[in-house]
Amino acid sequence: MLRTASINGTDLLLNAVSAGELADQIEALSQEANIMRARSRSLVAQLSYLQQQFDELLEMYDQLKALFVLGRDDGE
């Protein structure tokens, strides 16, 4: 059986499916959402680590630049 519905002004064509099929689809989507959340947390952790490494590299660069300037001033 086919029927139409309108959600937020958008017309949708709905297939009548059993409650069991819907429950299975909802469970599958829930599992996918959990996987996506876990991946998202992992990516955030990786980005945080990379930001920390980048900040450390910038600090080293600033230190090397200061040493270079001091060394150049001492040599001249």
N, C-alpha and C. Protein backbone atom coordinates (compact mmCIF):
# COMPACT_ATOMS: atom_id res chain seq x y z
N MET A 1 0.84 -1.17 0.00
CA MET A 1 0.00 0.00 0.00
C MET A 1 0.89 1.24 0.00
N LEU A 2 0.59 2.21 -0.83
CA LEU A 2 1.35 3.44 -0.91
C LEU A 2 0.49 4.58 -0.39
N ARG A 3 1.14 5.52 0.27
CA ARG A 3 0.43 6.71 0.73
C ARG A 3 1.40 7.88 0.72
N THR A 4 0.88 9.07 0.76
CA THR A 4 1.72 10.26 0.77
C THR A 4 1.55 10.97 2.10
N ALA A 5 2.56 11.71 2.45
CA ALA A 5 2.52 12.51 3.67
C ALA A 5 3.29 13.79 3.40
N SER A 6 3.03 14.79 4.18
CA SER A 6 3.73 16.06 4.03
C SER A 6 4.41 16.38 5.36
N ILE A 7 5.71 16.60 5.30
CA ILE A 7 6.49 16.98 6.47
C ILE A 7 7.21 18.27 6.13
N ASN A 8 6.95 19.30 6.91
CA ASN A 8 7.56 20.61 6.68
C ASN A 8 7.39 21.06 5.23
N GLY A 9 6.21 20.81 4.69
CA GLY A 9 5.91 21.27 3.34
C GLY A 9 6.48 20.39 2.25
N THR A 10 7.16 19.31 2.60
CA THR A 10 7.74 18.42 1.60
C THR A 10 6.85 17.19 1.49
N ASP A 11 6.40 16.89 0.29
CA ASP A 11 5.58 15.70 0.08
C ASP A 11 6.46 14.46 0.00
N LEU A 12 6.08 13.45 0.74
CA LEU A 12 6.84 12.21 0.75
C LEU A 12 5.94 11.06 0.34
N LEU A 13 6.49 10.10 -0.35
CA LEU A 13 5.79 8.88 -0.69
C LEU A 13 6.24 7.82 0.30
N LEU A 14 5.30 7.28 1.04
CA LEU A 14 5.63 6.32 2.08
C LEU A 14 5.14 4.93 1.70
N ASN A 15 6.00 3.95 1.87
CA ASN A 15 5.59 2.57 1.71
C ASN A 15 5.12 2.07 3.07
N ALA A 16 4.01 1.37 3.07
CA ALA A 16 3.54 0.78 4.32
C ALA A 16 4.42 -0.44 4.59
N VAL A 17 5.13 -0.40 5.71
CA VAL A 17 5.99 -1.52 6.08
C VAL A 17 5.60 -1.97 7.47
N SER A 18 6.00 -3.15 7.77
CA SER A 18 5.64 -3.68 9.08
C SER A 18 6.44 -3.00 10.17
N ALA A 19 5.91 -3.07 11.37
CA ALA A 19 6.59 -2.47 12.52
C ALA A 19 7.95 -3.12 12.73
N GLY A 20 8.06 -4.40 12.44
CA GLY A 20 9.34 -5.10 12.58
C GLY A 20 10.39 -4.58 11.63
N GLU A 21 9.99 -4.33 10.38
CA GLU A 21 10.93 -3.79 9.40
C GLU A 21 11.40 -2.40 9.82
N LEU A 22 10.47 -1.60 10.30
CA LEU A 22 10.85 -0.27 10.77
C LEU A 22 11.80 -0.36 11.95
N ALA A 23 11.51 -1.25 12.87
CA ALA A 23 12.38 -1.42 14.04
C ALA A 23 13.78 -1.85 13.61
N ASP A 24 13.87 -2.75 12.62
CA ASP A 24 15.17 -3.18 12.11
C ASP A 24 15.92 -2.02 11.47
N GLN A 25 15.20 -1.21 10.70
CA GLN A 25 15.83 -0.05 10.06
C GLN A 25 16.31 0.95 11.11
N ILE A 26 15.49 1.18 12.11
CA ILE A 26 15.87 2.11 13.18
C ILE A 26 17.10 1.59 13.92
N GLU A 27 17.14 0.31 14.20
CA GLU A 27 18.29 -0.28 14.89
C GLU A 27 19.56 -0.14 14.04
N ALA A 28 19.44 -0.41 12.74
CA ALA A 28 20.60 -0.28 11.84
C ALA A 28 21.09 1.16 11.80
N LEU A 29 20.16 2.11 11.72
CA LEU A 29 20.54 3.52 11.70
C LEU A 29 21.17 3.93 13.03
N SER A 30 20.65 3.39 14.11
CA SER A 30 21.21 3.69 15.43
C SER A 30 22.65 3.19 15.53
N GLN A 31 22.88 1.99 15.02
CA GLN A 31 24.24 1.44 15.04
C GLN A 31 25.18 2.28 14.17
N GLU A 32 24.69 2.69 13.00
CA GLU A 32 25.50 3.54 12.13
C GLU A 32 25.81 4.88 12.82
N ALA A 33 24.83 5.44 13.50
CA ALA A 33 25.04 6.70 14.22
C ALA A 33 26.09 6.52 15.31
N ASN A 34 26.05 5.40 16.01
CA ASN A 34 27.05 5.15 17.05
C ASN A 34 28.45 5.03 16.46
N ILE A 35 28.55 4.37 15.32
CA ILE A 35 29.84 4.25 14.64
C ILE A 35 30.34 5.63 14.22
N MET A 36 29.44 6.44 13.67
CA MET A 36 29.83 7.78 13.23
C MET A 36 30.27 8.64 14.42
N ARG A 37 29.57 8.52 15.55
CA ARG A 37 29.97 9.27 16.74
C ARG A 37 31.36 8.84 17.21
N ALA A 38 31.61 7.54 17.18
CA ALA A 38 32.93 7.03 17.59
C ALA A 38 34.01 7.54 16.65
N ARG A 39 33.74 7.53 15.36
CA ARG A 39 34.72 8.05 14.39
C ARG A 39 34.95 9.54 14.60
N SER A 40 33.87 10.24 14.88
CA SER A 40 33.98 11.68 15.12
C SER A 40 34.86 11.95 16.33
N ARG A 41 34.63 11.21 17.41
CA ARG A 41 35.46 11.39 18.61
C ARG A 41 36.92 11.08 18.31
N SER A 42 37.15 10.04 17.52
CA SER A 42 38.51 9.67 17.15
C SER A 42 39.17 10.78 16.33
N LEU A 43 38.43 11.33 15.38
CA LEU A 43 38.98 12.42 14.56
C LEU A 43 39.27 13.66 15.40
N VAL A 44 38.40 13.96 16.34
CA VAL A 44 38.63 15.11 17.22
C VAL A 44 39.90 14.89 18.04
N ALA A 45 40.08 13.68 18.54
CA ALA A 45 41.28 13.37 19.32
C ALA A 45 42.53 13.50 18.44
N GLN A 46 42.45 13.00 17.21
CA GLN A 46 43.59 13.11 16.30
C GLN A 46 43.90 14.57 15.97
N LEU A 47 42.87 15.36 15.73
CA LEU A 47 43.08 16.78 15.44
C LEU A 47 43.68 17.51 16.63
N SER A 48 43.23 17.15 17.81
CA SER A 48 43.77 17.75 19.02
C SER A 48 45.26 17.43 19.15
N TYR A 49 45.62 16.17 18.90
CA TYR A 49 47.02 15.76 18.96
C TYR A 49 47.84 16.52 17.91
N LEU A 50 47.32 16.62 16.70
CA LEU A 50 48.04 17.33 15.64
C LEU A 50 48.20 18.81 15.98
N GLN A 51 47.18 19.41 16.59
CA GLN A 51 47.28 20.81 17.00
C GLN A 51 48.37 20.99 18.03
N GLN A 52 48.44 20.05 18.98
CA GLN A 52 49.49 20.11 20.00
C GLN A 52 50.88 19.98 19.36
N GLN A 53 51.02 19.05 18.42
CA GLN A 53 52.30 18.88 17.74
C GLN A 53 52.66 20.13 16.94
N PHE A 54 51.70 20.71 16.28
CA PHE A 54 51.94 21.92 15.51
C PHE A 54 52.37 23.07 16.42
N ASP A 55 51.70 23.21 17.57
CA ASP A 55 52.07 24.25 18.52
C ASP A 55 53.49 24.06 19.02
N GLU A 56 53.88 22.80 19.27
CA GLU A 56 55.25 22.52 19.70
C GLU A 56 56.25 22.87 18.61
N LEU A 57 55.91 22.57 17.36
CA LEU A 57 56.79 22.91 16.25
C LEU A 57 56.94 24.43 16.11
N LEU A 58 55.86 25.15 16.28
CA LEU A 58 55.95 26.61 16.22
C LEU A 58 56.83 27.16 17.33
N GLU A 59 56.71 26.57 18.51
CA GLU A 59 57.56 27.01 19.62
C GLU A 59 59.03 26.74 19.32
N MET A 60 59.32 25.55 18.77
CA MET A 60 60.71 25.23 18.40
C MET A 60 61.22 26.18 17.32
N TYR A 61 60.37 26.48 16.35
CA TYR A 61 60.75 27.40 15.29
C TYR A 61 61.10 28.77 15.87
N ASP A 62 60.25 29.26 16.78
CA ASP A 62 60.51 30.55 17.41
C ASP A 62 61.82 30.53 18.18
N GLN A 63 62.10 29.43 18.87
CA GLN A 63 63.35 29.32 19.62
C GLN A 63 64.56 29.30 18.67
N LEU A 64 64.45 28.54 17.59
CA LEU A 64 65.54 28.49 16.62
C LEU A 64 65.75 29.85 15.96
N LYS A 65 64.67 30.53 15.65
CA LYS A 65 64.77 31.85 15.05
C LYS A 65 65.46 32.82 16.00
N ALA A 66 65.11 32.74 17.29
CA ALA A 66 65.74 33.62 18.28
C ALA A 66 67.23 33.28 18.40
N LEU A 67 67.57 32.00 18.39
CA LEU A 67 68.99 31.62 18.46
C LEU A 67 69.75 32.10 17.23
N PHE A 68 69.12 32.00 16.07
CA PHE A 68 69.76 32.44 14.85
C PHE A 68 70.02 33.95 14.90
N VAL A 69 69.05 34.71 15.36
CA VAL A 69 69.20 36.16 15.45
C VAL A 69 70.30 36.49 16.46
N LEU A 70 70.30 35.81 17.61
CA LEU A 70 71.34 36.05 18.61
C LEU A 70 72.71 35.68 18.06
N GLY A 71 72.79 34.55 17.37
CA GLY A 71 74.06 34.12 16.80
C GLY A 71 74.55 35.07 15.74
N ARG A 72 73.66 35.60 14.95
CA ARG A 72 74.04 36.54 13.90
C ARG A 72 74.53 37.84 14.52
N ASP A 73 73.85 38.28 15.60
CA ASP A 73 74.27 39.51 16.26
C ASP A 73 75.62 39.34 16.93
N ASP A 74 75.88 38.17 17.51
CA ASP A 74 77.17 37.92 18.17
C ASP A 74 78.30 37.83 17.16
N GLY A 75 78.00 37.33 15.99
CA GLY A 75 79.03 37.13 14.97
C GLY A 75 79.38 38.40 14.23
N GLU A 76 78.56 39.40 14.32
CA GLU A 76 78.84 40.62 13.56
C GLU A 76 79.46 41.70 14.41
